[in-house]
């Protein structure tokens, strides 16, 4: 009998499931993914409800503003003061008269 020894196997020779690719997702992962998507949908629906509520509040304020403007304009009845032309602003006196001394720093 010949004494042929098998080469010792190392860590690289161990068979693992690493390179194996399954096309089917395990059931527990699929249900977990579905639950995550349902939670995201619930959060987005809450965002929509909040945005609609804020939009309704803003629209209500616009209606109040329009009613107030209409009330003010209705109360005037043409009794507003006549418009005056805009006057040219006067020039400031600062910087018109030159100073006798030059500007100095003192420390």
PDB file of N, CA and C in Angstrom:
ATOM      1  N   UNK A   1       0.815  -1.169   0.000  1.00  0.00           N
ATOM      2  CA  UNK A   1       0.000   0.000   0.000  1.00  0.00           C
ATOM      3  C   UNK A   1       0.865   1.240   0.000  1.00  0.00           C
ATOM      4  N   UNK A   2       0.458   2.134  -0.828  1.00  0.00           N
ATOM      5  CA  UNK A   2       1.207   3.381  -0.866  1.00  0.00           C
ATOM      6  C   UNK A   2       0.631   4.343   0.169  1.00  0.00           C
ATOM      7  N   UNK A   3       1.451   5.076   0.671  1.00  0.00           N
ATOM      8  CA  UNK A   3       1.031   6.012   1.714  1.00  0.00           C
ATOM      9  C   UNK A   3       0.782   7.384   1.092  1.00  0.00           C
ATOM     10  N   UNK A   4      -0.292   7.470   0.344  1.00  0.00           N
ATOM     11  CA  UNK A   4      -0.667   8.786  -0.213  1.00  0.00           C
ATOM     12  C   UNK A   4      -1.476   9.530   0.835  1.00  0.00           C
ATOM     13  N   UNK A   5      -1.010  10.633   1.178  1.00  0.00           N
ATOM     14  CA  UNK A   5      -1.754  11.455   2.133  1.00  0.00           C
ATOM     15  C   UNK A   5      -2.512  12.539   1.395  1.00  0.00           C
ATOM     16  N   UNK A   6      -3.689  12.760   1.798  1.00  0.00           N
ATOM     17  CA  UNK A   6      -4.468  13.871   1.227  1.00  0.00           C
ATOM     18  C   UNK A   6      -3.908  15.183   1.758  1.00  0.00           C
ATOM     19  N   UNK A   7      -3.895  16.186   0.912  1.00  0.00           N
ATOM     20  CA  UNK A   7      -3.449  17.485   1.438  1.00  0.00           C
ATOM     21  C   UNK A   7      -4.462  17.987   2.466  1.00  0.00           C
ATOM     22  N   UNK A   8      -3.989  18.609   3.476  1.00  0.00           N
ATOM     23  CA  UNK A   8      -4.904  19.089   4.509  1.00  0.00           C
ATOM     24  C   UNK A   8      -5.734  20.247   3.944  1.00  0.00           C
ATOM     25  N   UNK A   9      -6.975  20.246   4.314  1.00  0.00           N
ATOM     26  CA  UNK A   9      -7.889  21.285   3.826  1.00  0.00           C
ATOM     27  C   UNK A   9      -7.897  22.449   4.811  1.00  0.00           C
ATOM     28  N   UNK A  10      -8.010  23.612   4.245  1.00  0.00           N
ATOM     29  CA  UNK A  10      -8.008  24.813   5.084  1.00  0.00           C
ATOM     30  C   UNK A  10      -9.358  25.506   5.073  1.00  0.00           C
ATOM     31  N   UNK A  11      -9.365  26.696   5.544  1.00  0.00           N
ATOM     32  CA  UNK A  11     -10.584  27.495   5.636  1.00  0.00           C
ATOM     33  C   UNK A  11     -11.151  27.807   4.262  1.00  0.00           C
ATOM     34  N   UNK A  12     -10.297  27.962   3.265  1.00  0.00           N
ATOM     35  CA  UNK A  12     -10.745  28.271   1.913  1.00  0.00           C
ATOM     36  C   UNK A  12     -11.478  27.090   1.279  1.00  0.00           C
ATOM     37  N   UNK A  13     -11.306  25.894   1.782  1.00  0.00           N
ATOM     38  CA  UNK A  13     -11.937  24.717   1.191  1.00  0.00           C
ATOM     39  C   UNK A  13     -13.314  24.420   1.787  1.00  0.00           C
ATOM     40  N   UNK A  14     -13.741  25.131   2.803  1.00  0.00           N
ATOM     41  CA  UNK A  14     -15.044  24.870   3.414  1.00  0.00           C
ATOM     42  C   UNK A  14     -16.160  25.304   2.467  1.00  0.00           C
ATOM     43  N   UNK A  15     -17.179  24.506   2.379  1.00  0.00           N
ATOM     44  CA  UNK A  15     -18.329  24.846   1.545  1.00  0.00           C
ATOM     45  C   UNK A  15     -19.289  25.709   2.353  1.00  0.00           C
ATOM     46  N   UNK A  16     -19.656  26.830   1.756  1.00  0.00           N
ATOM     47  CA  UNK A  16     -20.609  27.732   2.412  1.00  0.00           C
ATOM     48  C   UNK A  16     -21.705  28.083   1.431  1.00  0.00           C
ATOM     49  N   UNK A  17     -22.697  28.813   1.898  1.00  0.00           N
ATOM     50  CA  UNK A  17     -23.812  29.249   1.054  1.00  0.00           C
ATOM     51  C   UNK A  17     -23.590  30.679   0.536  1.00  0.00           C
ATOM     52  N   UNK A  18     -22.387  31.166   0.653  1.00  0.00           N
ATOM     53  CA  UNK A  18     -22.098  32.550   0.313  1.00  0.00           C
ATOM     54  C   UNK A  18     -22.337  32.856  -1.159  1.00  0.00           C
ATOM     55  N   UNK A  19     -21.839  32.070  -2.039  1.00  0.00           N
ATOM     56  CA  UNK A  19     -21.949  32.356  -3.462  1.00  0.00           C
ATOM     57  C   UNK A  19     -23.289  31.963  -4.060  1.00  0.00           C
ATOM     58  N   UNK A  20     -24.112  31.319  -3.293  1.00  0.00           N
ATOM     59  CA  UNK A  20     -25.391  30.826  -3.789  1.00  0.00           C
ATOM     60  C   UNK A  20     -26.389  31.963  -3.859  1.00  0.00           C
ATOM     61  N   UNK A  21     -27.078  32.072  -4.961  1.00  0.00           N
ATOM     62  CA  UNK A  21     -28.061  33.140  -5.110  1.00  0.00           C
ATOM     63  C   UNK A  21     -29.428  32.521  -5.322  1.00  0.00           C
ATOM     64  N   UNK A  22     -30.311  32.856  -4.429  1.00  0.00           N
ATOM     65  CA  UNK A  22     -31.694  32.390  -4.554  1.00  0.00           C
ATOM     66  C   UNK A  22     -32.513  33.481  -5.209  1.00  0.00           C
ATOM     67  N   UNK A  23     -33.348  33.136  -6.123  1.00  0.00           N
ATOM     68  CA  UNK A  23     -34.217  34.113  -6.763  1.00  0.00           C
ATOM     69  C   UNK A  23     -35.448  34.374  -5.912  1.00  0.00           C
ATOM     70  N   UNK A  24     -35.715  33.524  -4.987  1.00  0.00           N
ATOM     71  CA  UNK A  24     -36.893  33.669  -4.152  1.00  0.00           C
ATOM     72  C   UNK A  24     -36.493  34.233  -2.790  1.00  0.00           C
ATOM     73  N   UNK A  25     -37.255  35.243  -2.343  1.00  0.00           N
ATOM     74  CA  UNK A  25     -36.999  35.858  -1.045  1.00  0.00           C
ATOM     75  C   UNK A  25     -37.649  34.984   0.023  1.00  0.00           C
ATOM     76  N   UNK A  26     -36.968  34.738   1.110  1.00  0.00           N
ATOM     77  CA  UNK A  26     -37.604  33.967   2.187  1.00  0.00           C
ATOM     78  C   UNK A  26     -38.874  34.652   2.677  1.00  0.00           C
ATOM     79  N   UNK A  27     -39.829  33.893   3.121  1.00  0.00           N
ATOM     80  CA  UNK A  27     -41.143  34.417   3.494  1.00  0.00           C
ATOM     81  C   UNK A  27     -41.042  35.454   4.610  1.00  0.00           C
ATOM     82  N   UNK A  28     -40.230  35.219   5.611  1.00  0.00           N
ATOM     83  CA  UNK A  28     -40.155  36.171   6.714  1.00  0.00           C
ATOM     84  C   UNK A  28     -39.594  37.519   6.266  1.00  0.00           C
ATOM     85  N   UNK A  29     -38.657  37.500   5.304  1.00  0.00           N
ATOM     86  CA  UNK A  29     -38.121  38.755   4.787  1.00  0.00           C
ATOM     87  C   UNK A  29     -39.164  39.481   3.930  1.00  0.00           C
ATOM     88  N   UNK A  30     -39.929  38.719   3.175  1.00  0.00           N
ATOM     89  CA  UNK A  30     -40.965  39.323   2.337  1.00  0.00           C
ATOM     90  C   UNK A  30     -42.025  39.996   3.209  1.00  0.00           C
ATOM     91  N   UNK A  31     -42.480  39.323   4.279  1.00  0.00           N
ATOM     92  CA  UNK A  31     -43.490  39.906   5.156  1.00  0.00           C
ATOM     93  C   UNK A  31     -42.938  41.119   5.906  1.00  0.00           C
ATOM     94  N   UNK A  32     -41.673  41.070   6.277  1.00  0.00           N
ATOM     95  CA  UNK A  32     -41.063  42.207   6.944  1.00  0.00           C
ATOM     96  C   UNK A  32     -41.004  43.404   6.002  1.00  0.00           C
ATOM     97  N   UNK A  33     -40.630  43.172   4.761  1.00  0.00           N
ATOM     98  CA  UNK A  33     -40.579  44.255   3.773  1.00  0.00           C
ATOM     99  C   UNK A  33     -41.970  44.844   3.530  1.00  0.00           C
ATOM    100  N   UNK A  34     -42.964  43.979   3.450  1.00  0.00           N
ATOM    101  CA  UNK A  34     -44.340  44.456   3.260  1.00  0.00           C
ATOM    102  C   UNK A  34     -44.768  45.308   4.447  1.00  0.00           C
ATOM    103  N   UNK A  35     -44.423  44.888   5.658  1.00  0.00           N
ATOM    104  CA  UNK A  35     -44.815  45.671   6.837  1.00  0.00           C
ATOM    105  C   UNK A  35     -44.114  47.027   6.848  1.00  0.00           C
ATOM    106  N   UNK A  36     -42.857  47.073   6.425  1.00  0.00           N
ATOM    107  CA  UNK A  36     -42.158  48.356   6.340  1.00  0.00           C
ATOM    108  C   UNK A  36     -42.834  49.282   5.328  1.00  0.00           C
ATOM    109  N   UNK A  37     -43.233  48.729   4.201  1.00  0.00           N
ATOM    110  CA  UNK A  37     -43.903  49.542   3.179  1.00  0.00           C
ATOM    111  C   UNK A  37     -45.254  50.047   3.675  1.00  0.00           C
ATOM    112  N   UNK A  38     -45.980  49.216   4.412  1.00  0.00           N
ATOM    113  CA  UNK A  38     -47.265  49.650   4.954  1.00  0.00           C
ATOM    114  C   UNK A  38     -47.071  50.757   5.988  1.00  0.00           C
ATOM    115  N   UNK A  39     -46.034  50.656   6.804  1.00  0.00           N
ATOM    116  CA  UNK A  39     -45.752  51.719   7.771  1.00  0.00           C
ATOM    117  C   UNK A  39     -45.395  53.026   7.068  1.00  0.00           C
ATOM    118  N   UNK A  40     -44.623  52.932   5.992  1.00  0.00           N
ATOM    119  CA  UNK A  40     -44.282  54.139   5.237  1.00  0.00           C
ATOM    120  C   UNK A  40     -45.526  54.758   4.626  1.00  0.00           C
ATOM    121  N   UNK A  41     -46.413  53.922   4.113  1.00  0.00           N
ATOM    122  CA  UNK A  41     -47.660  54.431   3.535  1.00  0.00           C
ATOM    123  C   UNK A  41     -48.478  55.144   4.604  1.00  0.00           C
ATOM    124  N   UNK A  42     -48.555  54.582   5.801  1.00  0.00           N
ATOM    125  CA  UNK A  42     -49.304  55.212   6.887  1.00  0.00           C
ATOM    126  C   UNK A  42     -48.700  56.571   7.251  1.00  0.00           C
ATOM    127  N   UNK A  43     -47.364  56.648   7.306  1.00  0.00           N
ATOM    128  CA  UNK A  43     -46.714  57.925   7.605  1.00  0.00           C
ATOM    129  C   UNK A  43     -47.006  58.959   6.530  1.00  0.00           C
ATOM    130  N   UNK A  44     -46.950  58.545   5.273  1.00  0.00           N
ATOM    131  CA  UNK A  44     -47.214  59.487   4.164  1.00  0.00           C
ATOM    132  C   UNK A  44     -48.669  59.961   4.178  1.00  0.00           C
ATOM    133  N   UNK A  45     -49.590  59.081   4.521  1.00  0.00           N
ATOM    134  CA  UNK A  45     -50.999  59.484   4.593  1.00  0.00           C
ATOM    135  C   UNK A  45     -51.192  60.505   5.714  1.00  0.00           C
ATOM    136  N   UNK A  46     -50.501  60.328   6.830  1.00  0.00           N
ATOM    137  CA  UNK A  46     -50.575  61.300   7.920  1.00  0.00           C
ATOM    138  C   UNK A  46     -50.010  62.642   7.471  1.00  0.00           C
ATOM    139  N   UNK A  47     -48.933  62.625   6.711  1.00  0.00           N
ATOM    140  CA  UNK A  47     -48.373  63.874   6.173  1.00  0.00           C
ATOM    141  C   UNK A  47     -49.377  64.572   5.266  1.00  0.00           C
ATOM    142  N   UNK A  48     -50.079  63.805   4.439  1.00  0.00           N
ATOM    143  CA  UNK A  48     -51.089  64.381   3.537  1.00  0.00           C
ATOM    144  C   UNK A  48     -52.211  65.007   4.342  1.00  0.00           C
ATOM    145  N   UNK A  49     -52.688  64.309   5.387  1.00  0.00           N
ATOM    146  CA  UNK A  49     -53.772  64.856   6.211  1.00  0.00           C
ATOM    147  C   UNK A  49     -53.326  66.144   6.904  1.00  0.00           C
ATOM    148  N   UNK A  50     -52.108  66.181   7.393  1.00  0.00           N
ATOM    149  CA  UNK A  50     -51.599  67.377   8.057  1.00  0.00           C
ATOM    150  C   UNK A  50     -51.474  68.534   7.064  1.00  0.00           C
ATOM    151  N   UNK A  51     -50.976  68.241   5.870  1.00  0.00           N
ATOM    152  CA  UNK A  51     -50.822  69.296   4.850  1.00  0.00           C
ATOM    153  C   UNK A  51     -52.183  69.840   4.425  1.00  0.00           C
ATOM    154  N   UNK A  52     -53.178  68.964   4.263  1.00  0.00           N
ATOM    155  CA  UNK A  52     -54.522  69.435   3.900  1.00  0.00           C
ATOM    156  C   UNK A  52     -55.108  70.308   4.987  1.00  0.00           C
ATOM    157  N   UNK A  53     -54.884  69.923   6.242  1.00  0.00           N
ATOM    158  CA  UNK A  53     -55.384  70.721   7.358  1.00  0.00           C
ATOM    159  C   UNK A  53     -54.748  72.105   7.353  1.00  0.00           C
ATOM    160  N   UNK A  54     -53.435  72.164   7.159  1.00  0.00           N
ATOM    161  CA  UNK A  54     -52.753  73.454   7.109  1.00  0.00           C
ATOM    162  C   UNK A  54     -53.241  74.284   5.923  1.00  0.00           C
ATOM    163  N   UNK A  55     -53.478  73.625   4.787  1.00  0.00           N
ATOM    164  CA  UNK A  55     -53.969  74.321   3.604  1.00  0.00           C
ATOM    165  C   UNK A  55     -55.348  74.920   3.867  1.00  0.00           C
ATOM    166  N   UNK A  56     -56.227  74.168   4.546  1.00  0.00           N
ATOM    167  CA  UNK A  56     -57.561  74.677   4.867  1.00  0.00           C
ATOM    168  C   UNK A  56     -57.482  75.888   5.791  1.00  0.00           C
ATOM    169  N   UNK A  57     -56.560  75.850   6.757  1.00  0.00           N
ATOM    170  CA  UNK A  57     -56.395  76.987   7.665  1.00  0.00           C
ATOM    171  C   UNK A  57     -55.924  78.222   6.898  1.00  0.00           C
ATOM    172  N   UNK A  58     -54.993  78.038   5.984  1.00  0.00           N
ATOM    173  CA  UNK A  58     -54.473  79.167   5.191  1.00  0.00           C
ATOM    174  C   UNK A  58     -55.569  79.724   4.279  1.00  0.00           C
ATOM    175  N   UNK A  59     -56.339  78.839   3.655  1.00  0.00           N
ATOM    176  CA  UNK A  59     -57.435  79.307   2.798  1.00  0.00           C
ATOM    177  C   UNK A  59     -58.469  80.090   3.603  1.00  0.00           C
ATOM    178  N   UNK A  60     -58.772  79.628   4.813  1.00  0.00           N
ATOM    179  CA  UNK A  60     -59.707  80.353   5.675  1.00  0.00           C
ATOM    180  C   UNK A  60     -59.194  81.741   5.997  1.00  0.00           C
ATOM    181  N   UNK A  61     -57.904  81.854   6.260  1.00  0.00           N
ATOM    182  CA  UNK A  61     -57.323  83.172   6.542  1.00  0.00           C
ATOM    183  C   UNK A  61     -57.409  84.078   5.321  1.00  0.00           C
ATOM    184  N   UNK A  62     -57.212  83.510   4.111  1.00  0.00           N
ATOM    185  CA  UNK A  62     -57.371  84.313   2.893  1.00  0.00           C
ATOM    186  C   UNK A  62     -58.793  84.847   2.781  1.00  0.00           C
ATOM    187  N   UNK A  63     -59.781  84.024   3.109  1.00  0.00           N
ATOM    188  CA  UNK A  63     -61.168  84.484   3.057  1.00  0.00           C
ATOM    189  C   UNK A  63     -61.409  85.607   4.064  1.00  0.00           C
ATOM    190  N   UNK A  64     -60.829  85.503   5.273  1.00  0.00           N
ATOM    191  CA  UNK A  64     -60.967  86.565   6.264  1.00  0.00           C
ATOM    192  C   UNK A  64     -60.324  87.857   5.771  1.00  0.00           C
ATOM    193  N   UNK A  65     -59.151  87.748   5.150  1.00  0.00           N
ATOM    194  CA  UNK A  65     -58.466  88.935   4.631  1.00  0.00           C
ATOM    195  C   UNK A  65     -59.297  89.593   3.543  1.00  0.00           C
ATOM    196  N   UNK A  66     -59.849  88.792   2.611  1.00  0.00           N
ATOM    197  CA  UNK A  66     -60.677  89.355   1.538  1.00  0.00           C
ATOM    198  C   UNK A  66     -61.911  90.046   2.108  1.00  0.00           C
ATOM    199  N   UNK A  67     -62.545  89.449   3.134  1.00  0.00           N
ATOM    200  CA  UNK A  67     -63.731  90.063   3.744  1.00  0.00           C
ATOM    201  C   UNK A  67     -63.359  91.371   4.430  1.00  0.00           C
ATOM    202  N   UNK A  68     -62.200  91.418   5.105  1.00  0.00           N
ATOM    203  CA  UNK A  68     -61.774  92.638   5.776  1.00  0.00           C
ATOM    204  C   UNK A  68     -61.463  93.738   4.777  1.00  0.00           C
ATOM    205  N   UNK A  69     -60.811  93.381   3.667  1.00  0.00           N
ATOM    206  CA  UNK A  69     -60.514  94.374   2.624  1.00  0.00           C
ATOM    207  C   UNK A  69     -61.808  94.912   2.027  1.00  0.00           C
ATOM    208  N   UNK A  70     -62.766  94.009   1.767  1.00  0.00           N
ATOM    209  CA  UNK A  70     -64.050  94.453   1.205  1.00  0.00           C
ATOM    210  C   UNK A  70     -64.771  95.372   2.187  1.00  0.00           C
ATOM    211  N   UNK A  71     -64.695  95.077   3.479  1.00  0.00           N
ATOM    212  CA  UNK A  71     -65.336  95.932   4.480  1.00  0.00           C
ATOM    213  C   UNK A  71     -64.696  97.305   4.544  1.00  0.00           C
ATOM    214  N   UNK A  72     -63.378  97.350   4.471  1.00  0.00           N
ATOM    215  CA  UNK A  72     -62.686  98.643   4.512  1.00  0.00           C
ATOM    216  C   UNK A  72     -63.014  99.460   3.276  1.00  0.00           C
ATOM    217  N   UNK A  73     -62.970  98.825   2.099  1.00  0.00           N
ATOM    218  CA  UNK A  73     -63.278  99.554   0.859  1.00  0.00           C
ATOM    219  C   UNK A  73     -64.734  99.984   0.826  1.00  0.00           C
ATOM    220  N   UNK A  74     -65.628  99.168   1.373  1.00  0.00           N
ATOM    221  CA  UNK A  74     -67.043  99.544   1.412  1.00  0.00           C
ATOM    222  C   UNK A  74     -67.290 100.695   2.365  1.00  0.00           C
ATOM    223  N   UNK A  75     -66.510 100.795   3.414  1.00  0.00           N
ATOM    224  CA  UNK A  75     -66.674 101.875   4.380  1.00  0.00           C
ATOM    225  C   UNK A  75     -66.152 103.211   3.888  1.00  0.00           C
ATOM    226  N   UNK A  76     -65.284 103.188   2.903  1.00  0.00           N
ATOM    227  CA  UNK A  76     -64.732 104.448   2.404  1.00  0.00           C
ATOM    228  C   UNK A  76     -65.770 105.242   1.630  1.00  0.00           C
ATOM    229  N   UNK A  77     -66.528 104.615   0.753  1.00  0.00           N
ATOM    230  CA  UNK A  77     -67.563 105.261  -0.067  1.00  0.00           C
ATOM    231  C   UNK A  77     -67.056 106.502  -0.779  1.00  0.00           C
ATOM    232  N   UNK A  78     -65.869 106.463  -1.286  1.00  0.00           N
ATOM    233  CA  UNK A  78     -65.331 107.586  -2.051  1.00  0.00           C
ATOM    234  C   UNK A  78     -64.898 108.741  -1.182  1.00  0.00           C
ATOM    235  N   UNK A  79     -64.804 108.571   0.111  1.00  0.00           N
ATOM    236  CA  UNK A  79     -64.431 109.678   0.989  1.00  0.00           C
ATOM    237  C   UNK A  79     -62.944 109.673   1.318  1.00  0.00           C
ATOM    238  N   UNK A  80     -62.176 109.003   0.516  1.00  0.00           N
ATOM    239  CA  UNK A  80     -60.747 108.965   0.777  1.00  0.00           C
ATOM    240  C   UNK A  80     -60.117 110.300   0.415  1.00  0.00           C
ATOM    241  N   UNK A  81     -59.053 110.699   1.113  1.00  0.00           N
ATOM    242  CA  UNK A  81     -58.418 111.983   0.803  1.00  0.00           C
ATOM    243  C   UNK A  81     -57.795 111.942  -0.590  1.00  0.00           C
ATOM    244  N   UNK A  82     -57.712 113.086  -1.247  1.00  0.00           N
ATOM    245  CA  UNK A  82     -57.119 113.108  -2.589  1.00  0.00           C
ATOM    246  C   UNK A  82     -55.631 112.786  -2.526  1.00  0.00           C
ATOM    247  N   UNK A  83     -55.150 112.191  -3.558  1.00  0.00           N
ATOM    248  CA  UNK A  83     -53.737 111.808  -3.628  1.00  0.00           C
ATOM    249  C   UNK A  83     -52.889 113.040  -3.881  1.00  0.00           C
ATOM    250  N   UNK A  84     -51.744 113.124  -3.209  1.00  0.00           N
ATOM    251  CA  UNK A  84     -50.812 114.227  -3.401  1.00  0.00           C
ATOM    252  C   UNK A  84     -49.599 113.696  -4.142  1.00  0.00           C
ATOM    253  N   UNK A  85     -48.944 114.533  -4.949  1.00  0.00           N
ATOM    254  CA  UNK A  85     -47.737 114.074  -5.621  1.00  0.00           C
ATOM    255  C   UNK A  85     -46.629 113.834  -4.592  1.00  0.00           C
ATOM    256  N   UNK A  86     -45.779 112.932  -4.885  1.00  0.00           N
ATOM    257  CA  UNK A  86     -44.673 112.609  -3.990  1.00  0.00           C
ATOM    258  C   UNK A  86     -43.633 113.708  -4.079  1.00  0.00           C
ATOM    259  N   UNK A  87     -43.229 114.212  -2.896  1.00  0.00           N
ATOM    260  CA  UNK A  87     -42.239 115.291  -2.863  1.00  0.00           C
ATOM    261  C   UNK A  87     -40.830 114.710  -2.858  1.00  0.00           C
ATOM    262  N   UNK A  88     -39.930 115.473  -3.433  1.00  0.00           N
ATOM    263  CA  UNK A  88     -38.537 115.068  -3.452  1.00  0.00           C
ATOM    264  C   UNK A  88     -37.971 115.232  -2.042  1.00  0.00           C
ATOM    265  N   UNK A  89     -37.291 114.220  -1.519  1.00  0.00           N
ATOM    266  CA  UNK A  89     -36.774 114.346  -0.144  1.00  0.00           C
ATOM    267  C   UNK A  89     -35.664 115.383  -0.062  1.00  0.00           C
ATOM    268  N   UNK A  90     -35.609 116.087   1.097  1.00  0.00           N
ATOM    269  CA  UNK A  90     -34.562 117.082   1.286  1.00  0.00           C
ATOM    270  C   UNK A  90     -33.239 116.378   1.541  1.00  0.00           C
ATOM    271  N   UNK A  91     -32.175 117.077   1.146  1.00  0.00           N
ATOM    272  CA  UNK A  91     -30.842 116.530   1.384  1.00  0.00           C
ATOM    273  C   UNK A  91     -30.467 116.761   2.840  1.00  0.00           C
ATOM    274  N   UNK A  92     -29.717 115.838   3.369  1.00  0.00           N
ATOM    275  CA  UNK A  92     -29.269 115.938   4.746  1.00  0.00           C
ATOM    276  C   UNK A  92     -28.167 116.979   4.861  1.00  0.00           C
ATOM    277  N   UNK A  93     -28.138 117.656   5.988  1.00  0.00           N
ATOM    278  CA  UNK A  93     -27.115 118.682   6.215  1.00  0.00           C
ATOM    279  C   UNK A  93     -25.763 118.058   6.550  1.00  0.00           C
ATOM    280  N   UNK A  94     -25.744 116.802   6.836  1.00  0.00           N
ATOM    281  CA  UNK A  94     -24.495 116.138   7.189  1.00  0.00           C
ATOM    282  C   UNK A  94     -23.616 116.050   5.949  1.00  0.00           C
ATOM    283  N   UNK A  95     -22.400 116.509   6.084  1.00  0.00           N
ATOM    284  CA  UNK A  95     -21.443 116.406   4.988  1.00  0.00           C
ATOM    285  C   UNK A  95     -21.491 117.543   3.994  1.00  0.00           C
ATOM    286  N   UNK A  96     -22.378 118.525   4.198  1.00  0.00           N
ATOM    287  CA  UNK A  96     -22.448 119.648   3.256  1.00  0.00           C
ATOM    288  C   UNK A  96     -21.341 120.672   3.513  1.00  0.00           C
ATOM    289  N   UNK A  97     -21.018 120.903   4.800  1.00  0.00           N
ATOM    290  CA  UNK A  97     -19.997 121.896   5.128  1.00  0.00           C
ATOM    291  C   UNK A  97     -18.687 121.188   5.437  1.00  0.00           C
ATOM    292  N   UNK A  98     -17.632 121.529   4.733  1.00  0.00           N
ATOM    293  CA  UNK A  98     -16.358 120.871   5.037  1.00  0.00           C
ATOM    294  C   UNK A  98     -15.839 121.327   6.396  1.00  0.00           C
ATOM    295  N   UNK A  99     -15.213 120.453   7.080  1.00  0.00           N
ATOM    296  CA  UNK A  99     -14.670 120.785   8.390  1.00  0.00           C
ATOM    297  C   UNK A  99     -13.330 121.474   8.238  1.00  0.00           C
ATOM    298  N   UNK A 100     -12.952 122.256   9.269  1.00  0.00           N
ATOM    299  CA  UNK A 100     -11.705 123.000   9.226  1.00  0.00           C
ATOM    300  C   UNK A 100     -10.510 122.083   9.497  1.00  0.00           C
ATOM    301  N   UNK A 101     -10.693 121.085  10.380  1.00  0.00           N
ATOM    302  CA  UNK A 101      -9.594 120.197  10.724  1.00  0.00           C
ATOM    303  C   UNK A 101      -9.702 118.912   9.915  1.00  0.00           C
ATOM    304  N   UNK A 102      -8.586 118.282   9.743  1.00  0.00           N
ATOM    305  CA  UNK A 102      -8.604 116.977   9.090  1.00  0.00           C
ATOM    306  C   UNK A 102      -8.896 115.903  10.142  1.00  0.00           C
ATOM    307  N   UNK A 103      -9.315 114.778   9.723  1.00  0.00           N
ATOM    308  CA  UNK A 103      -9.657 113.677  10.627  1.00  0.00           C
ATOM    309  C   UNK A 103      -8.396 113.089  11.214  1.00  0.00           C
ATOM    310  N   UNK A 104      -8.362 112.895  12.540  1.00  0.00           N
ATOM    311  CA  UNK A 104      -7.173 112.396  13.203  1.00  0.00           C
ATOM    312  C   UNK A 104      -7.536 111.239  14.121  1.00  0.00           C
ATOM    313  N   UNK A 105      -6.604 110.306  14.224  1.00  0.00           N
ATOM    314  CA  UNK A 105      -6.722 109.213  15.193  1.00  0.00           C
ATOM    315  C   UNK A 105      -5.857 109.536  16.385  1.00  0.00           C
ATOM    316  N   UNK A 106      -6.325 109.220  17.558  1.00  0.00           N
ATOM    317  CA  UNK A 106      -5.479 109.392  18.748  1.00  0.00           C
ATOM    318  C   UNK A 106      -5.524 108.084  19.524  1.00  0.00           C
ATOM    319  N   UNK A 107      -4.376 107.657  19.979  1.00  0.00           N
ATOM    320  CA  UNK A 107      -4.268 106.399  20.702  1.00  0.00           C
ATOM    321  C   UNK A 107      -3.905 106.650  22.138  1.00  0.00           C
TER     322      UNK A 107
END
